[in-house]
PDB file of N, CA and C in Angstrom:
ATOM      1  N   MET A   1    -194.198 135.665 -24.727  1.00  0.00           N
ATOM      2  CA  MET A   1    -193.759 135.975 -26.073  1.00  0.00           C
ATOM      3  C   MET A   1    -193.633 134.683 -26.873  1.00  0.00           C
ATOM      4  N   ALA A   2    -194.192 134.664 -28.051  1.00  0.00           N
ATOM      5  CA  ALA A   2    -194.183 133.467 -28.881  1.00  0.00           C
ATOM      6  C   ALA A   2    -192.806 133.259 -29.504  1.00  0.00           C
ATOM      7  N   SER A   3    -192.438 132.023 -29.618  1.00  0.00           N
ATOM      8  CA  SER A   3    -191.174 131.649 -30.245  1.00  0.00           C
ATOM      9  C   SER A   3    -191.313 131.743 -31.767  1.00  0.00           C
ATOM     10  N   GLU A   4    -190.186 131.910 -32.478  1.00  0.00           N
ATOM     11  CA  GLU A   4    -190.253 131.905 -33.941  1.00  0.00           C
ATOM     12  C   GLU A   4    -190.753 130.557 -34.447  1.00  0.00           C
ATOM     13  N   TRP A   5    -190.652 129.528 -33.615  1.00  0.00           N
ATOM     14  CA  TRP A   5    -191.114 128.190 -34.003  1.00  0.00           C
ATOM     15  C   TRP A   5    -192.616 128.033 -33.874  1.00  0.00           C
ATOM     16  N   SER A   6    -193.330 129.062 -33.429  1.00  0.00           N
ATOM     17  CA  SER A   6    -194.793 129.009 -33.385  1.00  0.00           C
ATOM     18  C   SER A   6    -195.375 128.909 -34.790  1.00  0.00           C
ATOM     19  N   SER A   7    -194.629 129.414 -35.758  1.00  0.00           N
ATOM     20  CA  SER A   7    -195.036 129.347 -37.166  1.00  0.00           C
ATOM     21  C   SER A   7    -193.923 128.641 -37.934  1.00  0.00           C
ATOM     22  N   LEU A   8    -194.199 127.457 -38.427  1.00  0.00           N
ATOM     23  CA  LEU A   8    -193.178 126.717 -39.163  1.00  0.00           C
ATOM     24  C   LEU A   8    -192.727 127.442 -40.431  1.00  0.00           C
ATOM     25  N   PRO A   9    -193.631 128.057 -41.209  1.00  0.00           N
ATOM     26  CA  PRO A   9    -193.153 128.814 -42.372  1.00  0.00           C
ATOM     27  C   PRO A   9    -192.177 129.929 -42.010  1.00  0.00           C
ATOM     28  N   THR A  10    -192.391 130.576 -40.867  1.00  0.00           N
ATOM     29  CA  THR A  10    -191.471 131.627 -40.425  1.00  0.00           C
ATOM     30  C   THR A  10    -190.140 131.025 -39.995  1.00  0.00           C
ATOM     31  N   ALA A  11    -190.201 129.978 -39.195  1.00  0.00           N
ATOM     32  CA  ALA A  11    -188.987 129.370 -38.662  1.00  0.00           C
ATOM     33  C   ALA A  11    -188.102 128.767 -39.752  1.00  0.00           C
ATOM     34  N   LEU A  12    -188.716 128.237 -40.798  1.00  0.00           N
ATOM     35  CA  LEU A  12    -187.959 127.547 -41.852  1.00  0.00           C
ATOM     36  C   LEU A  12    -187.895 128.339 -43.152  1.00  0.00           C
ATOM     37  N   ASN A  13    -188.250 129.611 -43.096  1.00  0.00           N
ATOM     38  CA  ASN A  13    -188.321 130.443 -44.301  1.00  0.00           C
ATOM     39  C   ASN A  13    -187.064 130.369 -45.170  1.00  0.00           C
ATOM     40  N   SER A  14    -185.900 130.409 -44.565  1.00  0.00           N
ATOM     41  CA  SER A  14    -184.662 130.418 -45.355  1.00  0.00           C
ATOM     42  C   SER A  14    -184.394 129.088 -46.057  1.00  0.00           C
ATOM     43  N   SER A  15    -185.082 128.029 -45.653  1.00  0.00           N
ATOM     44  CA  SER A  15    -184.877 126.716 -46.262  1.00  0.00           C
ATOM     45  C   SER A  15    -185.945 126.343 -47.287  1.00  0.00           C
ATOM     46  N   LEU A  16    -187.010 127.129 -47.364  1.00  0.00           N
ATOM     47  CA  LEU A  16    -188.137 126.744 -48.218  1.00  0.00           C
ATOM     48  C   LEU A  16    -187.804 126.748 -49.708  1.00  0.00           C
ATOM     49  N   ASP A  17    -186.936 127.661 -50.137  1.00  0.00           N
ATOM     50  CA  ASP A  17    -186.594 127.712 -51.564  1.00  0.00           C
ATOM     51  C   ASP A  17    -185.998 126.394 -52.048  1.00  0.00           C
ATOM     52  N   GLY A  18    -185.173 125.775 -51.246  1.00  0.00           N
ATOM     53  CA  GLY A  18    -184.537 124.524 -51.642  1.00  0.00           C
ATOM     54  C   GLY A  18    -185.400 123.299 -51.446  1.00  0.00           C
ATOM     55  N   LEU A  19    -186.483 123.431 -50.687  1.00  0.00           N
ATOM     56  CA  LEU A  19    -187.334 122.277 -50.400  1.00  0.00           C
ATOM     57  C   LEU A  19    -188.012 121.717 -51.641  1.00  0.00           C
ATOM     58  N   GLU A  20    -188.517 122.581 -52.491  1.00  0.00           N
ATOM     59  CA  GLU A  20    -189.211 122.107 -53.695  1.00  0.00           C
ATOM     60  C   GLU A  20    -188.272 121.293 -54.584  1.00  0.00           C
ATOM     61  N   LYS A  21    -187.070 121.781 -54.795  1.00  0.00           N
ATOM     62  CA  LYS A  21    -186.093 121.041 -55.593  1.00  0.00           C
ATOM     63  C   LYS A  21    -185.751 119.716 -54.921  1.00  0.00           C
ATOM     64  N   ALA A  22    -185.584 119.750 -53.605  1.00  0.00           N
ATOM     65  CA  ALA A  22    -185.221 118.533 -52.876  1.00  0.00           C
ATOM     66  C   ALA A  22    -186.289 117.448 -53.015  1.00  0.00           C
ATOM     67  N   ILE A  23    -187.565 117.819 -52.887  1.00  0.00           N
ATOM     68  CA  ILE A  23    -188.594 116.780 -53.001  1.00  0.00           C
ATOM     69  C   ILE A  23    -188.747 116.296 -54.439  1.00  0.00           C
ATOM     70  N   ASN A  24    -188.571 117.187 -55.401  1.00  0.00           N
ATOM     71  CA  ASN A  24    -188.691 116.756 -56.791  1.00  0.00           C
ATOM     72  C   ASN A  24    -187.509 115.893 -57.238  1.00  0.00           C
ATOM     73  N   ASP A  25    -186.379 116.021 -56.549  1.00  0.00           N
ATOM     74  CA  ASP A  25    -185.204 115.208 -56.859  1.00  0.00           C
ATOM     75  C   ASP A  25    -185.123 113.938 -56.011  1.00  0.00           C
ATOM     76  N   ASP A  26    -186.050 113.753 -55.087  1.00  0.00           N
ATOM     77  CA  ASP A  26    -185.991 112.629 -54.159  1.00  0.00           C
ATOM     78  C   ASP A  26    -186.686 111.386 -54.728  1.00  0.00           C
ATOM     79  N   PRO A  27    -185.938 110.307 -54.980  1.00  0.00           N
ATOM     80  CA  PRO A  27    -186.541 109.107 -55.572  1.00  0.00           C
ATOM     81  C   PRO A  27    -187.626 108.483 -54.694  1.00  0.00           C
ATOM     82  N   GLN A  28    -187.470 108.526 -53.381  1.00  0.00           N
ATOM     83  CA  GLN A  28    -188.493 107.937 -52.507  1.00  0.00           C
ATOM     84  C   GLN A  28    -189.783 108.747 -52.555  1.00  0.00           C
ATOM     85  N   PHE A  29    -189.676 110.068 -52.511  1.00  0.00           N
ATOM     86  CA  PHE A  29    -190.872 110.898 -52.609  1.00  0.00           C
ATOM     87  C   PHE A  29    -191.547 110.679 -53.958  1.00  0.00           C
ATOM     88  N   ASN A  30    -190.752 110.668 -55.020  1.00  0.00           N
ATOM     89  CA  ASN A  30    -191.312 110.471 -56.361  1.00  0.00           C
ATOM     90  C   ASN A  30    -191.884 109.080 -56.550  1.00  0.00           C
ATOM     91  N   GLY A  31    -191.427 108.118 -55.773  1.00  0.00           N
ATOM     92  CA  GLY A  31    -192.003 106.778 -55.822  1.00  0.00           C
ATOM     93  C   GLY A  31    -193.476 106.783 -55.442  1.00  0.00           C
ATOM     94  N   PHE A  32    -193.874 107.724 -54.607  1.00  0.00           N
ATOM     95  CA  PHE A  32    -195.284 107.845 -54.230  1.00  0.00           C
ATOM     96  C   PHE A  32    -196.084 108.657 -55.238  1.00  0.00           C
ATOM     97  N   THR A  33    -195.431 109.595 -55.899  1.00  0.00           N
ATOM     98  CA  THR A  33    -196.182 110.491 -56.790  1.00  0.00           C
ATOM     99  C   THR A  33    -196.225 110.003 -58.232  1.00  0.00           C
ATOM    100  N   ASP A  34    -195.257 109.215 -58.648  1.00  0.00           N
ATOM    101  CA  ASP A  34    -195.221 108.737 -60.036  1.00  0.00           C
ATOM    102  C   ASP A  34    -195.846 107.353 -60.158  1.00  0.00           C
ATOM    103  N   THR A  35    -197.114 107.263 -59.771  1.00  0.00           N
ATOM    104  CA  THR A  35    -197.841 106.001 -59.880  1.00  0.00           C
ATOM    105  C   THR A  35    -199.180 106.259 -60.557  1.00  0.00           C
ATOM    106  N   LYS A  36    -199.767 105.212 -61.107  1.00  0.00           N
ATOM    107  CA  LYS A  36    -201.084 105.340 -61.724  1.00  0.00           C
ATOM    108  C   LYS A  36    -202.171 105.622 -60.692  1.00  0.00           C
ATOM    109  N   ALA A  37    -201.888 105.286 -59.434  1.00  0.00           N
ATOM    110  CA  ALA A  37    -202.875 105.511 -58.375  1.00  0.00           C
ATOM    111  C   ALA A  37    -203.062 106.990 -58.068  1.00  0.00           C
ATOM    112  N   MET A  38    -202.063 107.789 -58.341  1.00  0.00           N
ATOM    113  CA  MET A  38    -202.175 109.229 -58.074  1.00  0.00           C
ATOM    114  C   MET A  38    -202.749 109.892 -59.319  1.00  0.00           C
ATOM    115  N   THR A  39    -204.032 110.172 -59.255  1.00  0.00           N
ATOM    116  CA  THR A  39    -204.723 110.718 -60.422  1.00  0.00           C
ATOM    117  C   THR A  39    -204.886 112.233 -60.378  1.00  0.00           C
ATOM    118  N   LYS A  40    -204.683 112.819 -59.206  1.00  0.00           N
ATOM    119  CA  LYS A  40    -204.779 114.284 -59.082  1.00  0.00           C
ATOM    120  C   LYS A  40    -203.851 114.736 -57.965  1.00  0.00           C
ATOM    121  N   PRO A  41    -203.486 116.001 -57.958  1.00  0.00           N
ATOM    122  CA  PRO A  41    -202.607 116.517 -56.906  1.00  0.00           C
ATOM    123  C   PRO A  41    -203.245 116.398 -55.516  1.00  0.00           C
ATOM    124  N   VAL A  42    -202.397 116.173 -54.531  1.00  0.00           N
ATOM    125  CA  VAL A  42    -202.818 116.102 -53.131  1.00  0.00           C
ATOM    126  C   VAL A  42    -201.945 117.071 -52.342  1.00  0.00           C
ATOM    127  N   THR A  43    -202.572 117.934 -51.571  1.00  0.00           N
ATOM    128  CA  THR A  43    -201.836 118.899 -50.763  1.00  0.00           C
ATOM    129  C   THR A  43    -201.889 118.487 -49.298  1.00  0.00           C
ATOM    130  N   PHE A  44    -200.704 118.453 -48.677  1.00  0.00           N
ATOM    131  CA  PHE A  44    -200.659 118.214 -47.239  1.00  0.00           C
ATOM    132  C   PHE A  44    -199.871 119.327 -46.576  1.00  0.00           C
ATOM    133  N   GLY A  45    -200.137 119.531 -45.309  1.00  0.00           N
ATOM    134  CA  GLY A  45    -199.506 120.609 -44.572  1.00  0.00           C
ATOM    135  C   GLY A  45    -198.557 120.097 -43.503  1.00  0.00           C
ATOM    136  N   ILE A  46    -197.634 120.949 -43.115  1.00  0.00           N
ATOM    137  CA  ILE A  46    -196.751 120.703 -41.980  1.00  0.00           C
ATOM    138  C   ILE A  46    -196.846 121.960 -41.129  1.00  0.00           C
ATOM    139  N   GLN A  47    -197.266 121.807 -39.861  1.00  0.00           N
ATOM    140  CA  GLN A  47    -197.552 122.985 -39.046  1.00  0.00           C
ATOM    141  C   GLN A  47    -197.317 122.703 -37.569  1.00  0.00           C
ATOM    142  N   THR A  48    -197.356 123.775 -36.783  1.00  0.00           N
ATOM    143  CA  THR A  48    -197.286 123.624 -35.334  1.00  0.00           C
ATOM    144  C   THR A  48    -198.703 123.530 -34.785  1.00  0.00           C
ATOM    145  N   THR A  49    -198.777 123.144 -33.534  1.00  0.00           N
ATOM    146  CA  THR A  49    -200.071 123.060 -32.863  1.00  0.00           C
ATOM    147  C   THR A  49    -200.587 124.428 -32.437  1.00  0.00           C
ATOM    148  N   GLU A  50    -199.776 125.476 -32.621  1.00  0.00           N
ATOM    149  CA  GLU A  50    -200.147 126.798 -32.103  1.00  0.00           C
ATOM    150  C   GLU A  50    -200.883 127.700 -33.079  1.00  0.00           C
ATOM    151  N   ASN A  51    -200.792 127.430 -34.380  1.00  0.00           N
ATOM    152  CA  ASN A  51    -201.544 128.270 -35.317  1.00  0.00           C
ATOM    153  C   ASN A  51    -201.776 127.557 -36.637  1.00  0.00           C
ATOM    154  N   ASP A  52    -202.435 128.238 -37.538  1.00  0.00           N
ATOM    155  CA  ASP A  52    -202.872 127.683 -38.813  1.00  0.00           C
ATOM    156  C   ASP A  52    -201.830 127.813 -39.924  1.00  0.00           C
ATOM    157  N   ASP A  53    -200.729 128.549 -39.686  1.00  0.00           N
ATOM    158  CA  ASP A  53    -199.692 128.715 -40.706  1.00  0.00           C
ATOM    159  C   ASP A  53    -199.076 127.361 -41.025  1.00  0.00           C
ATOM    160  N   ALA A  54    -198.958 127.047 -42.294  1.00  0.00           N
ATOM    161  CA  ALA A  54    -198.420 125.740 -42.667  1.00  0.00           C
ATOM    162  C   ALA A  54    -197.503 125.846 -43.876  1.00  0.00           C
ATOM    163  N   ILE A  55    -196.581 124.915 -43.940  1.00  0.00           N
ATOM    164  CA  ILE A  55    -195.847 124.658 -45.165  1.00  0.00           C
ATOM    165  C   ILE A  55    -196.727 123.685 -45.925  1.00  0.00           C
ATOM    166  N   LEU A  56    -197.092 124.038 -47.132  1.00  0.00           N
ATOM    167  CA  LEU A  56    -197.998 123.223 -47.940  1.00  0.00           C
ATOM    168  C   LEU A  56    -197.210 122.544 -49.054  1.00  0.00           C
ATOM    169  N   ILE A  57    -197.310 121.243 -49.117  1.00  0.00           N
ATOM    170  CA  ILE A  57    -196.657 120.483 -50.176  1.00  0.00           C
ATOM    171  C   ILE A  57    -197.747 119.865 -51.032  1.00  0.00           C
ATOM    172  N   THR A  58    -197.759 120.238 -52.301  1.00  0.00           N
ATOM    173  CA  THR A  58    -198.716 119.668 -53.233  1.00  0.00           C
ATOM    174  C   THR A  58    -197.986 118.615 -54.045  1.00  0.00           C
ATOM    175  N   ALA A  59    -198.321 117.371 -53.763  1.00  0.00           N
ATOM    176  CA  ALA A  59    -197.713 116.240 -54.455  1.00  0.00           C
ATOM    177  C   ALA A  59    -198.536 115.944 -55.698  1.00  0.00           C
ATOM    178  N   ALA A  60    -197.844 115.888 -56.830  1.00  0.00           N
ATOM    179  CA  ALA A  60    -198.528 115.658 -58.101  1.00  0.00           C
ATOM    180  C   ALA A  60    -197.648 114.785 -58.983  1.00  0.00           C
ATOM    181  N   PRO A  61    -198.260 114.017 -59.873  1.00  0.00           N
ATOM    182  CA  PRO A  61    -197.459 113.223 -60.796  1.00  0.00           C
ATOM    183  C   PRO A  61    -196.560 114.135 -61.639  1.00  0.00           C
ATOM    184  N   GLY A  62    -195.285 113.812 -61.668  1.00  0.00           N
ATOM    185  CA  GLY A  62    -194.360 114.576 -62.498  1.00  0.00           C
ATOM    186  C   GLY A  62    -193.666 115.726 -61.808  1.00  0.00           C
ATOM    187  N   LYS A  63    -194.369 116.513 -61.000  1.00  0.00           N
ATOM    188  CA  LYS A  63    -193.745 117.651 -60.324  1.00  0.00           C
ATOM    189  C   LYS A  63    -194.590 118.040 -59.122  1.00  0.00           C
ATOM    190  N   SER A  64    -193.918 118.224 -58.010  1.00  0.00           N
ATOM    191  CA  SER A  64    -194.590 118.658 -56.792  1.00  0.00           C
ATOM    192  C   SER A  64    -194.153 120.084 -56.480  1.00  0.00           C
ATOM    193  N   SER A  65    -194.940 120.777 -55.641  1.00  0.00           N
ATOM    194  CA  SER A  65    -194.629 122.170 -55.341  1.00  0.00           C
ATOM    195  C   SER A  65    -194.747 122.430 -53.847  1.00  0.00           C
ATOM    196  N   VAL A  66    -194.102 123.507 -53.424  1.00  0.00           N
ATOM    197  CA  VAL A  66    -194.100 123.923 -52.020  1.00  0.00           C
ATOM    198  C   VAL A  66    -194.592 125.359 -51.949  1.00  0.00           C
ATOM    199  N   SER A  67    -195.465 125.622 -50.996  1.00  0.00           N
ATOM    200  CA  SER A  67    -195.944 126.978 -50.741  1.00  0.00           C
ATOM    201  C   SER A  67    -196.209 127.103 -49.245  1.00  0.00           C
ATOM    202  N   THR A  68    -196.676 128.249 -48.841  1.00  0.00           N
ATOM    203  CA  THR A  68    -197.083 128.446 -47.455  1.00  0.00           C
ATOM    204  C   THR A  68    -198.483 129.026 -47.457  1.00  0.00           C
ATOM    205  N   GLY A  69    -199.181 128.840 -46.358  1.00  0.00           N
ATOM    206  CA  GLY A  69    -200.530 129.380 -46.251  1.00  0.00           C
ATOM    207  C   GLY A  69    -201.303 128.681 -45.155  1.00  0.00           C
ATOM    208  N   SER A  70    -202.605 128.812 -45.217  1.00  0.00           N
ATOM    209  CA  SER A  70    -203.484 128.216 -44.224  1.00  0.00           C
ATOM    210  C   SER A  70    -203.500 126.694 -44.352  1.00  0.00           C
ATOM    211  N   ALA A  71    -203.440 126.017 -43.219  1.00  0.00           N
ATOM    212  CA  ALA A  71    -203.520 124.552 -43.217  1.00  0.00           C
ATOM    213  C   ALA A  71    -204.862 124.072 -43.758  1.00  0.00           C
ATOM    214  N   GLU A  72    -205.851 124.941 -43.779  1.00  0.00           N
ATOM    215  CA  GLU A  72    -207.161 124.560 -44.305  1.00  0.00           C
ATOM    216  C   GLU A  72    -207.108 124.192 -45.784  1.00  0.00           C
ATOM    217  N   LYS A  73    -206.044 124.579 -46.485  1.00  0.00           N
ATOM    218  CA  LYS A  73    -205.900 124.242 -47.901  1.00  0.00           C
ATOM    219  C   LYS A  73    -205.423 122.802 -48.094  1.00  0.00           C
ATOM    220  N   ALA A  74    -205.060 122.143 -47.000  1.00  0.00           N
ATOM    221  CA  ALA A  74    -204.485 120.801 -47.067  1.00  0.00           C
ATOM    222  C   ALA A  74    -205.536 119.726 -46.799  1.00  0.00           C
ATOM    223  N   LEU A  75    -205.283 118.552 -47.356  1.00  0.00           N
ATOM    224  CA  LEU A  75    -206.131 117.392 -47.092  1.00  0.00           C
ATOM    225  C   LEU A  75    -205.872 116.885 -45.671  1.00  0.00           C
ATOM    226  N   PHE A  76    -204.613 116.920 -45.273  1.00  0.00           N
ATOM    227  CA  PHE A  76    -204.227 116.549 -43.915  1.00  0.00           C
ATOM    228  C   PHE A  76    -202.975 117.333 -43.549  1.00  0.00           C
ATOM    229  N   SER A  77    -202.657 117.343 -42.266  1.00  0.00           N
ATOM    230  CA  SER A  77    -201.510 118.113 -41.803  1.00  0.00           C
ATOM    231  C   SER A  77    -200.733 117.324 -40.755  1.00  0.00           C
ATOM    232  N   LEU A  78    -199.399 117.381 -40.839  1.00  0.00           N
ATOM    233  CA  LEU A  78    -198.525 116.820 -39.818  1.00  0.00           C
ATOM    234  C   LEU A  78    -198.327 117.908 -38.771  1.00  0.00           C
ATOM    235  N   MET A  79    -198.618 117.604 -37.512  1.00  0.00           N
ATOM    236  CA  MET A  79    -198.579 118.623 -36.463  1.00  0.00           C
ATOM    237  C   MET A  79    -197.702 118.176 -35.304  1.00  0.00           C
ATOM    238  N   ALA A  80    -196.973 119.134 -34.749  1.00  0.00           N
ATOM    239  CA  ALA A  80    -196.194 118.930 -33.529  1.00  0.00           C
ATOM    240  C   ALA A  80    -196.074 120.288 -32.841  1.00  0.00           C
ATOM    241  N   THR A  81    -195.658 120.271 -31.596  1.00  0.00           N
ATOM    242  CA  THR A  81    -195.505 121.533 -30.868  1.00  0.00           C
ATOM    243  C   THR A  81    -194.300 122.303 -31.409  1.00  0.00           C
ATOM    244  N   PRO A  82    -194.247 123.606 -31.180  1.00  0.00           N
ATOM    245  CA  PRO A  82    -193.071 124.375 -31.613  1.00  0.00           C
ATOM    246  C   PRO A  82    -191.764 123.802 -31.052  1.00  0.00           C
ATOM    247  N   HIS A  83    -191.766 123.405 -29.787  1.00  0.00           N
ATOM    248  CA  HIS A  83    -190.557 122.836 -29.185  1.00  0.00           C
ATOM    249  C   HIS A  83    -190.130 121.554 -29.908  1.00  0.00           C
ATOM    250  N   GLN A  84    -191.098 120.716 -30.269  1.00  0.00           N
ATOM    251  CA  GLN A  84    -190.772 119.467 -30.960  1.00  0.00           C
ATOM    252  C   GLN A  84    -190.159 119.741 -32.336  1.00  0.00           C
ATOM    253  N   TRP A  85    -190.716 120.707 -33.086  1.00  0.00           N
ATOM    254  CA  TRP A  85    -190.149 121.041 -34.399  1.00  0.00           C
ATOM    255  C   TRP A  85    -188.753 121.627 -34.245  1.00  0.00           C
ATOM    256  N   GLU A  86    -188.602 122.547 -33.288  1.00  0.00           N
ATOM    257  CA  GLU A  86    -187.294 123.159 -33.073  1.00  0.00           C
ATOM    258  C   GLU A  86    -186.252 122.087 -32.734  1.00  0.00           C
ATOM    259  N   SER A  87    -186.620 121.128 -31.922  1.00  0.00           N
ATOM    260  CA  SER A  87    -185.698 120.051 -31.548  1.00  0.00           C
ATOM    261  C   SER A  87    -185.360 119.161 -32.744  1.00  0.00           C
ATOM    262  N   LEU A  88    -186.343 118.870 -33.593  1.00  0.00           N
ATOM    263  CA  LEU A  88    -186.112 118.038 -34.785  1.00  0.00           C
ATOM    264  C   LEU A  88    -185.135 118.701 -35.752  1.00  0.00           C
ATOM    265  N   PHE A  89    -185.242 120.022 -35.897  1.00  0.00           N
ATOM    266  CA  PHE A  89    -184.440 120.734 -36.888  1.00  0.00           C
ATOM    267  C   PHE A  89    -183.098 121.246 -36.357  1.00  0.00           C
ATOM    268  N   GLN A  90    -182.661 120.766 -35.215  1.00  0.00           N
ATOM    269  CA  GLN A  90    -181.319 121.087 -34.736  1.00  0.00           C
ATOM    270  C   GLN A  90    -180.289 120.445 -35.672  1.00  0.00           C
ATOM    271  N   ALA A  91    -179.088 120.994 -35.726  1.00  0.00           N
ATOM    272  CA  ALA A  91    -178.040 120.429 -36.584  1.00  0.00           C
ATOM    273  C   ALA A  91    -177.806 118.954 -36.269  1.00  0.00           C
ATOM    274  N   ILE A  92    -177.800 118.617 -35.003  1.00  0.00           N
ATOM    275  CA  ILE A  92    -177.690 117.220 -34.572  1.00  0.00           C
ATOM    276  C   ILE A  92    -178.792 116.998 -33.540  1.00  0.00           C
ATOM    277  N   PRO A  93    -179.966 116.510 -33.987  1.00  0.00           N
ATOM    278  CA  PRO A  93    -181.082 116.343 -33.053  1.00  0.00           C
ATOM    279  C   PRO A  93    -180.781 115.282 -31.994  1.00  0.00           C
ATOM    280  N   LYS A  94    -181.172 115.587 -30.759  1.00  0.00           N
ATOM    281  CA  LYS A  94    -181.024 114.628 -29.668  1.00  0.00           C
ATOM    282  C   LYS A  94    -182.204 113.661 -29.688  1.00  0.00           C
ATOM    283  N   ARG A  95    -182.008 112.502 -29.090  1.00  0.00           N
ATOM    284  CA  ARG A  95    -183.118 111.554 -28.976  1.00  0.00           C
ATOM    285  C   ARG A  95    -184.193 112.144 -28.099  1.00  0.00           C
ATOM    286  N   PRO A  96    -185.448 111.954 -28.354  1.00  0.00           N
ATOM    287  CA  PRO A  96    -186.054 111.193 -29.435  1.00  0.00           C
ATOM    288  C   PRO A  96    -186.370 112.035 -30.668  1.00  0.00           C
ATOM    289  N   TYR A  97    -185.832 113.248 -30.748  1.00  0.00           N
ATOM    290  CA  TYR A  97    -186.198 114.204 -31.796  1.00  0.00           C
ATOM    291  C   TYR A  97    -185.469 113.951 -33.107  1.00  0.00           C
ATOM    292  N   GLN A  98    -185.502 112.729 -33.604  1.00  0.00           N
ATOM    293  CA  GLN A  98    -184.777 112.383 -34.825  1.00  0.00           C
ATOM    294  C   GLN A  98    -185.683 111.903 -35.950  1.00  0.00           C
ATOM    295  N   SER A  99    -187.001 111.877 -35.712  1.00  0.00           N
ATOM    296  CA  SER A  99    -187.951 111.449 -36.737  1.00  0.00           C
ATOM    297  C   SER A  99    -189.324 112.024 -36.396  1.00  0.00           C
ATOM    298  N   PHE A 100    -190.239 111.959 -37.359  1.00  0.00           N
ATOM    299  CA  PHE A 100    -191.599 112.443 -37.098  1.00  0.00           C
ATOM    300  C   PHE A 100    -192.230 111.673 -35.946  1.00  0.00           C
ATOM    301  N   GLY A 101    -192.033 110.366 -35.911  1.00  0.00           N
ATOM    302  CA  GLY A 101    -192.571 109.556 -34.816  1.00  0.00           C
ATOM    303  C   GLY A 101    -191.932 109.909 -33.495  1.00  0.00           C
ATOM    304  N   GLY A 102    -190.634 110.136 -33.511  1.00  0.00           N
ATOM    305  CA  GLY A 102    -189.903 110.448 -32.290  1.00  0.00           C
ATOM    306  C   GLY A 102    -190.307 111.767 -31.661  1.00  0.00           C
ATOM    307  N   ILE A 103    -190.711 112.728 -32.487  1.00  0.00           N
ATOM    308  CA  ILE A 103    -191.100 114.020 -31.908  1.00  0.00           C
ATOM    309  C   ILE A 103    -192.557 114.019 -31.462  1.00  0.00           C
ATOM    310  N   GLY A 104    -193.259 112.915 -31.700  1.00  0.00           N
ATOM    311  CA  GLY A 104    -194.656 112.858 -31.300  1.00  0.00           C
ATOM    312  C   GLY A 104    -195.579 113.544 -32.280  1.00  0.00           C
ATOM    313  N   CYS A 105    -195.135 113.622 -33.529  1.00  0.00           N
ATOM    314  CA  CYS A 105    -195.934 114.260 -34.584  1.00  0.00           C
ATOM    315  C   CYS A 105    -197.233 113.476 -34.787  1.00  0.00           C
ATOM    316  N   HIS A 106    -198.326 114.167 -34.931  1.00  0.00           N
ATOM    317  CA  HIS A 106    -199.582 113.498 -35.223  1.00  0.00           C
ATOM    318  C   HIS A 106    -200.200 114.073 -36.491  1.00  0.00           C
ATOM    319  N   VAL A 107    -201.098 113.313 -37.062  1.00  0.00           N
ATOM    320  CA  VAL A 107    -201.753 113.706 -38.306  1.00  0.00           C
ATOM    321  C   VAL A 107    -203.158 114.176 -37.992  1.00  0.00           C
ATOM    322  N   GLN A 108    -203.505 115.325 -38.521  1.00  0.00           N
ATOM    323  CA  GLN A 108    -204.857 115.837 -38.382  1.00  0.00           C
ATOM    324  C   GLN A 108    -205.500 115.835 -39.776  1.00  0.00           C
ATOM    325  N   ILE A 109    -206.577 115.070 -39.925  1.00  0.00           N
ATOM    326  CA  ILE A 109    -207.293 115.039 -41.192  1.00  0.00           C
ATOM    327  C   ILE A 109    -208.172 116.288 -41.255  1.00  0.00           C
ATOM    328  N   LEU A 110    -207.988 117.081 -42.295  1.00  0.00           N
ATOM    329  CA  LEU A 110    -208.686 118.363 -42.388  1.00  0.00           C
ATOM    330  C   LEU A 110    -209.893 118.340 -43.307  1.00  0.00           C
ATOM    331  N   LYS A 111    -209.933 117.383 -44.212  1.00  0.00           N
ATOM    332  CA  LYS A 111    -211.078 117.326 -45.148  1.00  0.00           C
ATOM    333  C   LYS A 111    -211.610 115.924 -45.236  1.00  0.00           C
TER     334      LYS A 111
END
């Protein structure tokens, strides 16, 4: 039986509404999007290694957005196993599950 963490959009569904506001209010995230170098929106995904369901973040100058869908819509995707994501999103993550690097997250270039 598959865990709810097999699909990141399913596992984090209750938190997705606040994610868009959080990234648009984040000075570090906006430091990457509010530059002359960013001439068009870029979509990246966050997903598990078990399926194509992804949280899609479209970073754009001025305002970014969050949606869910196929990872194929993304330029690249951050991937980790369901267990690694579940461990990262614990209220108090144990070592090494405290960062993308610590969970063994890898980047898959899709386009």
